[in-house]
Amino acid sequence: MIQEPPIDILAEKIGSKYALCVVASKRARQLLEQAQNQGLTELPDNKKPLSVAAQEIYDGKLIASED
């Protein structure tokens, strides 16, 4: 479970908790795929892909679109 950043703040940035779930999970899958393409079995520093995606949303590096 994500403790930081707070889920309510992330949901506000994306628009809803449902959209947050979709955006964060898609990004987490992208991160895992990128790591696997580089021959890694996990992300650097043993970070969880979902935690990295949540931090990217919190930092404004990742936004949701209506696609």
PDB file of N, CA and C in Angstrom:
ATOM      1  N   MET A   1       0.845  -1.178   0.000  1.00  0.00           N
ATOM      2  CA  MET A   1       0.000   0.000   0.000  1.00  0.00           C
ATOM      3  C   MET A   1       0.889   1.239   0.000  1.00  0.00           C
ATOM      4  N   ILE A   2       0.461   2.235  -0.736  1.00  0.00           N
ATOM      5  CA  ILE A   2       1.214   3.482  -0.826  1.00  0.00           C
ATOM      6  C   ILE A   2       0.927   4.336   0.404  1.00  0.00           C
ATOM      7  N   GLN A   3       1.966   4.720   1.114  1.00  0.00           N
ATOM      8  CA  GLN A   3       1.821   5.591   2.274  1.00  0.00           C
ATOM      9  C   GLN A   3       2.125   7.038   1.911  1.00  0.00           C
ATOM     10  N   GLU A   4       3.154   7.232   1.148  1.00  0.00           N
ATOM     11  CA  GLU A   4       3.564   8.566   0.722  1.00  0.00           C
ATOM     12  C   GLU A   4       3.753   8.551  -0.776  1.00  0.00           C
ATOM     13  N   PRO A   5       3.308   9.465  -1.482  1.00  0.00           N
ATOM     14  CA  PRO A   5       2.459  10.605  -1.151  1.00  0.00           C
ATOM     15  C   PRO A   5       1.024  10.157  -0.873  1.00  0.00           C
ATOM     16  N   PRO A   6       0.253  10.970  -0.148  1.00  0.00           N
ATOM     17  CA  PRO A   6      -1.115  10.590   0.216  1.00  0.00           C
ATOM     18  C   PRO A   6      -2.006  10.369  -1.011  1.00  0.00           C
ATOM     19  N   ILE A   7      -2.790   9.325  -0.974  1.00  0.00           N
ATOM     20  CA  ILE A   7      -3.641   8.952  -2.099  1.00  0.00           C
ATOM     21  C   ILE A   7      -4.664  10.040  -2.412  1.00  0.00           C
ATOM     22  N   ASP A   8      -5.203  10.713  -1.401  1.00  0.00           N
ATOM     23  CA  ASP A   8      -6.190  11.763  -1.658  1.00  0.00           C
ATOM     24  C   ASP A   8      -5.595  12.901  -2.479  1.00  0.00           C
ATOM     25  N   ILE A   9      -4.355  13.261  -2.203  1.00  0.00           N
ATOM     26  CA  ILE A   9      -3.693  14.319  -2.970  1.00  0.00           C
ATOM     27  C   ILE A   9      -3.444  13.854  -4.400  1.00  0.00           C
ATOM     28  N   LEU A  10      -3.022  12.607  -4.558  1.00  0.00           N
ATOM     29  CA  LEU A  10      -2.801  12.059  -5.898  1.00  0.00           C
ATOM     30  C   LEU A  10      -4.103  12.030  -6.694  1.00  0.00           C
ATOM     31  N   ALA A  11      -5.197  11.637  -6.046  1.00  0.00           N
ATOM     32  CA  ALA A  11      -6.492  11.577  -6.726  1.00  0.00           C
ATOM     33  C   ALA A  11      -6.934  12.965  -7.167  1.00  0.00           C
ATOM     34  N   GLU A  12      -6.665  13.977  -6.364  1.00  0.00           N
ATOM     35  CA  GLU A  12      -6.993  15.353  -6.747  1.00  0.00           C
ATOM     36  C   GLU A  12      -6.210  15.778  -7.984  1.00  0.00           C
ATOM     37  N   LYS A  13      -4.942  15.390  -8.045  1.00  0.00           N
ATOM     38  CA  LYS A  13      -4.103  15.763  -9.181  1.00  0.00           C
ATOM     39  C   LYS A  13      -4.579  15.106 -10.476  1.00  0.00           C
ATOM     40  N   ILE A  14      -5.081  13.871 -10.382  1.00  0.00           N
ATOM     41  CA  ILE A  14      -5.502  13.119 -11.559  1.00  0.00           C
ATOM     42  C   ILE A  14      -6.976  13.370 -11.884  1.00  0.00           C
ATOM     43  N   GLY A  15      -7.810  13.524 -10.882  1.00  0.00           N
ATOM     44  CA  GLY A  15      -9.225  13.782 -11.123  1.00  0.00           C
ATOM     45  C   GLY A  15     -10.158  12.892 -10.330  1.00  0.00           C
ATOM     46  N   SER A  16      -9.748  11.642 -10.111  1.00  0.00           N
ATOM     47  CA  SER A  16     -10.556  10.720  -9.311  1.00  0.00           C
ATOM     48  C   SER A  16      -9.676   9.548  -8.875  1.00  0.00           C
ATOM     49  N   LYS A  17     -10.167   8.804  -7.900  1.00  0.00           N
ATOM     50  CA  LYS A  17      -9.406   7.644  -7.436  1.00  0.00           C
ATOM     51  C   LYS A  17      -9.373   6.556  -8.509  1.00  0.00           C
ATOM     52  N   TYR A  18     -10.451   6.447  -9.280  1.00  0.00           N
ATOM     53  CA  TYR A  18     -10.475   5.463 -10.361  1.00  0.00           C
ATOM     54  C   TYR A  18      -9.416   5.803 -11.410  1.00  0.00           C
ATOM     55  N   ALA A  19      -9.395   7.052 -11.838  1.00  0.00           N
ATOM     56  CA  ALA A  19      -8.414   7.479 -12.836  1.00  0.00           C
ATOM     57  C   ALA A  19      -6.999   7.317 -12.292  1.00  0.00           C
ATOM     58  N   LEU A  20      -6.814   7.607 -11.014  1.00  0.00           N
ATOM     59  CA  LEU A  20      -5.502   7.430 -10.382  1.00  0.00           C
ATOM     60  C   LEU A  20      -5.056   5.984 -10.486  1.00  0.00           C
ATOM     61  N   CYS A  21      -5.953   5.068 -10.213  1.00  0.00           N
ATOM     62  CA  CYS A  21      -5.634   3.637 -10.282  1.00  0.00           C
ATOM     63  C   CYS A  21      -5.208   3.244 -11.689  1.00  0.00           C
ATOM     64  N   VAL A  22      -5.939   3.710 -12.685  1.00  0.00           N
ATOM     65  CA  VAL A  22      -5.645   3.370 -14.076  1.00  0.00           C
ATOM     66  C   VAL A  22      -4.302   3.948 -14.504  1.00  0.00           C
ATOM     67  N   VAL A  23      -4.093   5.241 -14.237  1.00  0.00           N
ATOM     68  CA  VAL A  23      -2.865   5.917 -14.660  1.00  0.00           C
ATOM     69  C   VAL A  23      -1.649   5.320 -13.961  1.00  0.00           C
ATOM     70  N   ALA A  24      -1.746   5.141 -12.648  1.00  0.00           N
ATOM     71  CA  ALA A  24      -0.612   4.619 -11.884  1.00  0.00           C
ATOM     72  C   ALA A  24      -0.274   3.184 -12.295  1.00  0.00           C
ATOM     73  N   SER A  25      -1.287   2.360 -12.531  1.00  0.00           N
ATOM     74  CA  SER A  25      -0.999   0.975 -12.906  1.00  0.00           C
ATOM     75  C   SER A  25      -0.385   0.883 -14.296  1.00  0.00           C
ATOM     76  N   LYS A  26      -0.863   1.716 -15.229  1.00  0.00           N
ATOM     77  CA  LYS A  26      -0.265   1.719 -16.572  1.00  0.00           C
ATOM     78  C   LYS A  26       1.195   2.148 -16.513  1.00  0.00           C
ATOM     79  N   ARG A  27       1.482   3.179 -15.729  1.00  0.00           N
ATOM     80  CA  ARG A  27       2.861   3.654 -15.613  1.00  0.00           C
ATOM     81  C   ARG A  27       3.740   2.608 -14.924  1.00  0.00           C
ATOM     82  N   ALA A  28       3.210   1.954 -13.911  1.00  0.00           N
ATOM     83  CA  ALA A  28       3.982   0.919 -13.215  1.00  0.00           C
ATOM     84  C   ALA A  28       4.349  -0.213 -14.179  1.00  0.00           C
ATOM     85  N   ARG A  29       3.398  -0.598 -15.038  1.00  0.00           N
ATOM     86  CA  ARG A  29       3.687  -1.635 -16.036  1.00  0.00           C
ATOM     87  C   ARG A  29       4.753  -1.175 -17.019  1.00  0.00           C
ATOM     88  N   GLN A  30       4.695   0.105 -17.411  1.00  0.00           N
ATOM     89  CA  GLN A  30       5.725   0.647 -18.310  1.00  0.00           C
ATOM     90  C   GLN A  30       7.099   0.582 -17.652  1.00  0.00           C
ATOM     91  N   LEU A  31       7.167   0.946 -16.388  1.00  0.00           N
ATOM     92  CA  LEU A  31       8.446   0.929 -15.674  1.00  0.00           C
ATOM     93  C   LEU A  31       9.021  -0.482 -15.597  1.00  0.00           C
ATOM     94  N   LEU A  32       8.156  -1.461 -15.312  1.00  0.00           N
ATOM     95  CA  LEU A  32       8.612  -2.853 -15.260  1.00  0.00           C
ATOM     96  C   LEU A  32       9.094  -3.329 -16.623  1.00  0.00           C
ATOM     97  N   GLU A  33       8.356  -2.962 -17.666  1.00  0.00           N
ATOM     98  CA  GLU A  33       8.749  -3.363 -19.013  1.00  0.00           C
ATOM     99  C   GLU A  33      10.089  -2.751 -19.404  1.00  0.00           C
ATOM    100  N   GLN A  34      10.306  -1.494 -19.068  1.00  0.00           N
ATOM    101  CA  GLN A  34      11.579  -0.835 -19.359  1.00  0.00           C
ATOM    102  C   GLN A  34      12.724  -1.535 -18.636  1.00  0.00           C
ATOM    103  N   ALA A  35      12.499  -1.895 -17.376  1.00  0.00           N
ATOM    104  CA  ALA A  35      13.533  -2.584 -16.611  1.00  0.00           C
ATOM    105  C   ALA A  35      13.840  -3.945 -17.232  1.00  0.00           C
ATOM    106  N   GLN A  36      12.808  -4.662 -17.629  1.00  0.00           N
ATOM    107  CA  GLN A  36      13.009  -5.978 -18.238  1.00  0.00           C
ATOM    108  C   GLN A  36      13.733  -5.878 -19.576  1.00  0.00           C
ATOM    109  N   ASN A  37      13.454  -4.819 -20.337  1.00  0.00           N
ATOM    110  CA  ASN A  37      14.154  -4.623 -21.610  1.00  0.00           C
ATOM    111  C   ASN A  37      15.641  -4.345 -21.406  1.00  0.00           C
ATOM    112  N   GLN A  38      15.998  -3.863 -20.222  1.00  0.00           N
ATOM    113  CA  GLN A  38      17.395  -3.603 -19.890  1.00  0.00           C
ATOM    114  C   GLN A  38      18.035  -4.807 -19.208  1.00  0.00           C
ATOM    115  N   GLY A  39      17.295  -5.906 -19.111  1.00  0.00           N
ATOM    116  CA  GLY A  39      17.821  -7.119 -18.521  1.00  0.00           C
ATOM    117  C   GLY A  39      17.738  -7.165 -17.009  1.00  0.00           C
ATOM    118  N   LEU A  40      16.951  -6.280 -16.419  1.00  0.00           N
ATOM    119  CA  LEU A  40      16.796  -6.249 -14.964  1.00  0.00           C
ATOM    120  C   LEU A  40      15.532  -6.997 -14.564  1.00  0.00           C
ATOM    121  N   THR A  41      15.524  -7.519 -13.358  1.00  0.00           N
ATOM    122  CA  THR A  41      14.328  -8.193 -12.857  1.00  0.00           C
ATOM    123  C   THR A  41      13.501  -7.276 -11.964  1.00  0.00           C
ATOM    124  N   GLU A  42      14.082  -6.180 -11.517  1.00  0.00           N
ATOM    125  CA  GLU A  42      13.355  -5.201 -10.701  1.00  0.00           C
ATOM    126  C   GLU A  42      13.941  -3.820 -10.949  1.00  0.00           C
ATOM    127  N   LEU A  43      13.293  -2.809 -10.415  1.00  0.00           N
ATOM    128  CA  LEU A  43      13.758  -1.441 -10.606  1.00  0.00           C
ATOM    129  C   LEU A  43      15.004  -1.170  -9.777  1.00  0.00           C
ATOM    130  N   PRO A  44      15.809  -0.196 -10.199  1.00  0.00           N
ATOM    131  CA  PRO A  44      16.986   0.169  -9.409  1.00  0.00           C
ATOM    132  C   PRO A  44      16.595   0.562  -7.985  1.00  0.00           C
ATOM    133  N   ASP A  45      17.474   0.320  -7.060  1.00  0.00           N
ATOM    134  CA  ASP A  45      17.274   0.619  -5.633  1.00  0.00           C
ATOM    135  C   ASP A  45      16.111  -0.154  -5.031  1.00  0.00           C
ATOM    136  N   ASN A  46      15.687  -1.242  -5.680  1.00  0.00           N
ATOM    137  CA  ASN A  46      14.592  -2.084  -5.191  1.00  0.00           C
ATOM    138  C   ASN A  46      13.306  -1.313  -4.944  1.00  0.00           C
ATOM    139  N   LYS A  47      13.082  -0.267  -5.734  1.00  0.00           N
ATOM    140  CA  LYS A  47      11.854   0.515  -5.592  1.00  0.00           C
ATOM    141  C   LYS A  47      10.697  -0.238  -6.231  1.00  0.00           C
ATOM    142  N   LYS A  48       9.534  -0.064  -5.666  1.00  0.00           N
ATOM    143  CA  LYS A  48       8.327  -0.670  -6.207  1.00  0.00           C
ATOM    144  C   LYS A  48       7.818   0.188  -7.368  1.00  0.00           C
ATOM    145  N   PRO A  49       7.432  -0.430  -8.486  1.00  0.00           N
ATOM    146  CA  PRO A  49       6.975   0.335  -9.647  1.00  0.00           C
ATOM    147  C   PRO A  49       5.786   1.240  -9.344  1.00  0.00           C
ATOM    148  N   LEU A  50       4.855   0.775  -8.526  1.00  0.00           N
ATOM    149  CA  LEU A  50       3.692   1.586  -8.198  1.00  0.00           C
ATOM    150  C   LEU A  50       4.082   2.797  -7.352  1.00  0.00           C
ATOM    151  N   SER A  51       5.054   2.633  -6.476  1.00  0.00           N
ATOM    152  CA  SER A  51       5.534   3.759  -5.670  1.00  0.00           C
ATOM    153  C   SER A  51       6.230   4.799  -6.534  1.00  0.00           C
ATOM    154  N   VAL A  52       6.985   4.337  -7.522  1.00  0.00           N
ATOM    155  CA  VAL A  52       7.654   5.261  -8.442  1.00  0.00           C
ATOM    156  C   VAL A  52       6.607   6.020  -9.254  1.00  0.00           C
ATOM    157  N   ALA A  53       5.587   5.313  -9.743  1.00  0.00           N
ATOM    158  CA  ALA A  53       4.523   5.956 -10.509  1.00  0.00           C
ATOM    159  C   ALA A  53       3.781   6.983  -9.659  1.00  0.00           C
ATOM    160  N   ALA A  54       3.495   6.650  -8.419  1.00  0.00           N
ATOM    161  CA  ALA A  54       2.808   7.586  -7.521  1.00  0.00           C
ATOM    162  C   ALA A  54       3.653   8.830  -7.281  1.00  0.00           C
ATOM    163  N   GLN A  55       4.942   8.656  -7.100  1.00  0.00           N
ATOM    164  CA  GLN A  55       5.821   9.803  -6.887  1.00  0.00           C
ATOM    165  C   GLN A  55       5.888  10.673  -8.132  1.00  0.00           C
ATOM    166  N   GLU A  56       5.889  10.062  -9.311  1.00  0.00           N
ATOM    167  CA  GLU A  56       5.887  10.822 -10.560  1.00  0.00           C
ATOM    168  C   GLU A  56       4.613  11.654 -10.688  1.00  0.00           C
ATOM    169  N   ILE A  57       3.478  11.095 -10.298  1.00  0.00           N
ATOM    170  CA  ILE A  57       2.218  11.836 -10.325  1.00  0.00           C
ATOM    171  C   ILE A  57       2.291  12.998  -9.343  1.00  0.00           C
ATOM    172  N   TYR A  58       2.772  12.740  -8.148  1.00  0.00           N
ATOM    173  CA  TYR A  58       2.873  13.766  -7.114  1.00  0.00           C
ATOM    174  C   TYR A  58       3.791  14.908  -7.549  1.00  0.00           C
ATOM    175  N   ASP A  59       4.880  14.564  -8.217  1.00  0.00           N
ATOM    176  CA  ASP A  59       5.845  15.569  -8.666  1.00  0.00           C
ATOM    177  C   ASP A  59       5.397  16.308  -9.929  1.00  0.00           C
ATOM    178  N   GLY A  60       4.291  15.885 -10.517  1.00  0.00           N
ATOM    179  CA  GLY A  60       3.797  16.540 -11.726  1.00  0.00           C
ATOM    180  C   GLY A  60       4.465  16.063 -12.996  1.00  0.00           C
ATOM    181  N   LYS A  61       5.228  14.989 -12.927  1.00  0.00           N
ATOM    182  CA  LYS A  61       5.908  14.434 -14.103  1.00  0.00           C
ATOM    183  C   LYS A  61       4.972  13.578 -14.945  1.00  0.00           C
ATOM    184  N   LEU A  62       3.863  13.172 -14.352  1.00  0.00           N
ATOM    185  CA  LEU A  62       2.927  12.289 -15.027  1.00  0.00           C
ATOM    186  C   LEU A  62       1.525  12.871 -14.854  1.00  0.00           C
ATOM    187  N   ILE A  63       0.826  13.061 -15.966  1.00  0.00           N
ATOM    188  CA  ILE A  63      -0.522  13.595 -15.905  1.00  0.00           C
ATOM    189  C   ILE A  63      -1.453  12.678 -16.688  1.00  0.00           C
ATOM    190  N   ALA A  64      -2.738  12.794 -16.417  1.00  0.00           N
ATOM    191  CA  ALA A  64      -3.724  11.976 -17.104  1.00  0.00           C
ATOM    192  C   ALA A  64      -4.299  12.743 -18.286  1.00  0.00           C
ATOM    193  N   SER A  65      -4.562  12.023 -19.365  1.00  0.00           N
ATOM    194  CA  SER A  65      -5.216  12.634 -20.522  1.00  0.00           C
ATOM    195  C   SER A  65      -6.530  11.896 -20.757  1.00  0.00           C
ATOM    196  N   GLU A  66      -7.358  12.427 -21.582  1.00  0.00           N
ATOM    197  CA  GLU A  66      -8.677  11.844 -21.844  1.00  0.00           C
ATOM    198  C   GLU A  66      -8.653  10.770 -22.929  1.00  0.00           C
ATOM    199  N   ASP A  67      -7.503  10.217 -23.255  1.00  0.00           N
ATOM    200  CA  ASP A  67      -7.391   9.223 -24.330  1.00  0.00           C
ATOM    201  C   ASP A  67      -7.989   7.924 -23.937  1.00  0.00           C
TER     202      ASP A  67
END
